[in-house]
Amino acid sequence: MVCVAVVLYATLTADPMDGAELPLIPNIDKVIHAVMFGGLAGAAAFDWQRSHRGRNVGGRVMAVICALCAVFGCLDEIAQATLTEARSGDVLDFVADIAGIAVAFFAAPPAVRCVLGIKHDRLTDKVKNGK
């Protein structure tokens, strides 16, 4: 929930950096979008793994998490375009959101297992899941 609140503040506030200038790096805002939404997907994977200690976060769970993050990204861009006067929705921001989410789809599961000290065993996962 904290990640969602930070994303909403950063994307819907008229001046989230309180007057500070972004570095002179072309399209840095796209990188920020990718990091925010990749981080959101990673945080959701971490929370899911902590609450399901007997199972490893896998492809199906990550697909659902990533789909929900993509829907959130789309709705966030629509909200920027319709609910704020100082911000505008941008399709390229949404593409950057998707890029960050795609990276998290592959990077988050092993990173979460490493942080939590969980050994990944595909055969054990299949047996536990009844496959």
Protein backbone atom coordinates (compact mmCIF):
# COMPACT_ATOMS: atom_id res chain seq x y z
CA MET A 1 0.00 0.00 0.00
CA VAL A 2 2.90 2.35 0.68
CA CYS A 3 4.22 1.75 -2.86
CA VAL A 4 0.79 2.49 -4.34
CA ALA A 5 0.55 5.69 -2.28
CA VAL A 6 4.02 6.82 -3.41
CA VAL A 7 3.19 6.14 -7.07
CA LEU A 8 -0.10 8.02 -6.80
CA TYR A 9 1.59 10.97 -5.10
CA ALA A 10 4.41 11.06 -7.66
CA THR A 11 2.11 10.83 -10.66
CA LEU A 12 -0.91 12.89 -9.61
CA THR A 13 0.64 15.74 -7.64
CA ALA A 14 1.22 18.92 -9.61
CA ASP A 15 4.84 19.24 -8.44
CA PRO A 16 5.95 16.09 -6.58
CA MET A 17 9.59 17.23 -6.41
CA ASP A 18 8.66 20.58 -4.85
CA GLY A 19 10.32 22.73 -7.49
CA ALA A 20 13.49 20.65 -7.88
CA GLU A 21 14.67 20.17 -11.45
CA LEU A 22 15.19 16.74 -12.98
CA PRO A 23 18.74 16.08 -14.18
CA LEU A 24 19.36 16.94 -17.81
CA ILE A 25 19.02 13.36 -18.97
CA PRO A 26 16.69 12.89 -21.93
CA ASN A 27 13.52 10.98 -21.05
CA ILE A 28 14.51 10.50 -17.40
CA ASP A 29 10.80 10.55 -16.54
CA LYS A 30 10.35 7.32 -18.54
CA VAL A 31 13.11 5.67 -16.52
CA ILE A 32 11.41 6.85 -13.35
CA HIS A 33 8.10 5.34 -14.51
CA ALA A 34 9.80 2.01 -15.28
CA VAL A 35 11.49 1.94 -11.87
CA MET A 36 8.30 2.89 -10.03
CA PHE A 37 6.14 0.23 -11.65
CA GLY A 38 8.85 -2.43 -11.64
CA GLY A 39 9.32 -1.67 -7.95
CA LEU A 40 5.59 -1.91 -7.37
CA ALA A 41 5.46 -5.35 -9.00
CA GLY A 42 8.53 -6.45 -7.03
CA ALA A 43 7.06 -5.22 -3.75
CA ALA A 44 3.80 -7.06 -4.48
CA ALA A 45 5.78 -10.26 -5.22
CA PHE A 46 7.68 -9.81 -1.95
CA ASP A 47 4.45 -9.37 0.03
CA TRP A 48 2.87 -12.40 -1.67
CA GLN A 49 5.92 -14.56 -0.92
CA ARG A 50 6.02 -13.52 2.74
CA SER A 51 2.37 -14.48 3.20
CA HIS A 52 2.75 -17.82 1.31
CA ARG A 53 5.91 -19.25 2.87
CA GLY A 54 5.11 -22.81 1.75
CA ARG A 55 5.10 -21.93 -1.95
CA ASN A 56 7.50 -20.09 -4.22
CA VAL A 57 6.26 -17.14 -6.20
CA GLY A 58 6.03 -18.46 -9.74
CA GLY A 59 4.96 -17.55 -13.24
CA ARG A 60 1.21 -17.61 -12.68
CA VAL A 61 1.37 -15.48 -9.56
CA MET A 62 3.77 -13.04 -11.21
CA ALA A 63 1.52 -12.88 -14.28
CA VAL A 64 -1.42 -11.86 -12.08
CA ILE A 65 0.68 -9.35 -10.15
CA CYS A 66 2.05 -7.86 -13.38
CA ALA A 67 -1.40 -7.70 -14.98
CA LEU A 68 -2.77 -5.85 -11.94
CA CYS A 69 0.19 -3.44 -12.01
CA ALA A 70 -0.40 -2.82 -15.73
CA VAL A 71 -4.08 -2.06 -15.09
CA PHE A 72 -3.02 0.31 -12.31
CA GLY A 73 -0.55 2.00 -14.69
CA CYS A 74 -3.25 2.46 -17.32
CA LEU A 75 -5.73 3.85 -14.80
CA ASP A 76 -3.02 6.15 -13.42
CA GLU A 77 -2.40 7.65 -16.87
CA ILE A 78 -6.15 8.10 -17.38
CA ALA A 79 -6.35 9.79 -13.97
CA GLN A 80 -3.50 12.14 -14.90
CA ALA A 81 -5.29 13.08 -18.11
CA THR A 82 -8.72 13.57 -16.56
CA LEU A 83 -8.35 14.45 -12.88
CA THR A 84 -5.45 16.90 -12.88
CA GLU A 85 -4.82 20.17 -14.62
CA ALA A 86 -1.06 20.24 -14.08
CA ARG A 87 -0.38 16.70 -15.34
CA SER A 88 -1.24 14.92 -18.55
CA GLY A 89 -1.57 11.25 -19.47
CA ASP A 90 1.12 9.94 -21.78
CA VAL A 91 1.10 6.67 -23.72
CA LEU A 92 4.90 6.55 -23.56
CA ASP A 93 4.73 6.76 -19.75
CA PHE A 94 2.44 3.72 -19.84
CA VAL A 95 4.90 1.92 -22.15
CA ALA A 96 7.64 2.69 -19.62
CA ASP A 97 5.41 1.33 -16.84
CA ILE A 98 4.98 -1.91 -18.82
CA ALA A 99 8.73 -2.14 -19.44
CA GLY A 100 9.44 -1.90 -15.71
CA ILE A 101 6.74 -4.45 -14.94
CA ALA A 102 8.19 -6.83 -17.56
CA VAL A 103 11.64 -6.61 -15.95
CA ALA A 104 10.06 -7.33 -12.55
CA PHE A 105 8.25 -10.38 -13.97
CA PHE A 106 11.63 -12.04 -14.50
CA ALA A 107 13.76 -10.39 -11.82
CA ALA A 108 11.45 -10.28 -8.80
CA PRO A 109 10.93 -14.01 -8.08
CA PRO A 110 14.63 -14.92 -7.73
CA ALA A 111 15.38 -11.64 -5.94
CA VAL A 112 12.55 -12.19 -3.44
CA ARG A 113 13.66 -15.78 -2.79
CA CYS A 114 17.23 -14.58 -2.25
CA VAL A 115 16.21 -11.81 0.16
CA LEU A 116 13.98 -14.17 2.14
CA GLY A 117 16.51 -17.03 2.05
CA ILE A 118 14.15 -19.42 0.27
CA LYS A 119 15.59 -22.22 -1.83
CA HIS A 120 13.82 -22.62 -5.17
CA ASP A 121 13.08 -26.20 -6.15
CA ARG A 122 10.91 -26.56 -9.25
CA LEU A 123 10.21 -30.26 -8.63
CA THR A 124 9.07 -29.59 -5.06
CA ASP A 125 6.83 -26.74 -6.30
CA LYS A 126 5.15 -29.07 -8.82
CA VAL A 127 4.58 -31.77 -6.19
CA LYS A 128 3.18 -29.25 -3.68
CA ASN A 129 0.91 -27.75 -6.29
CA GLY A 130 -0.43 -31.16 -7.34
CA LYS A 131 1.15 -31.27 -10.80
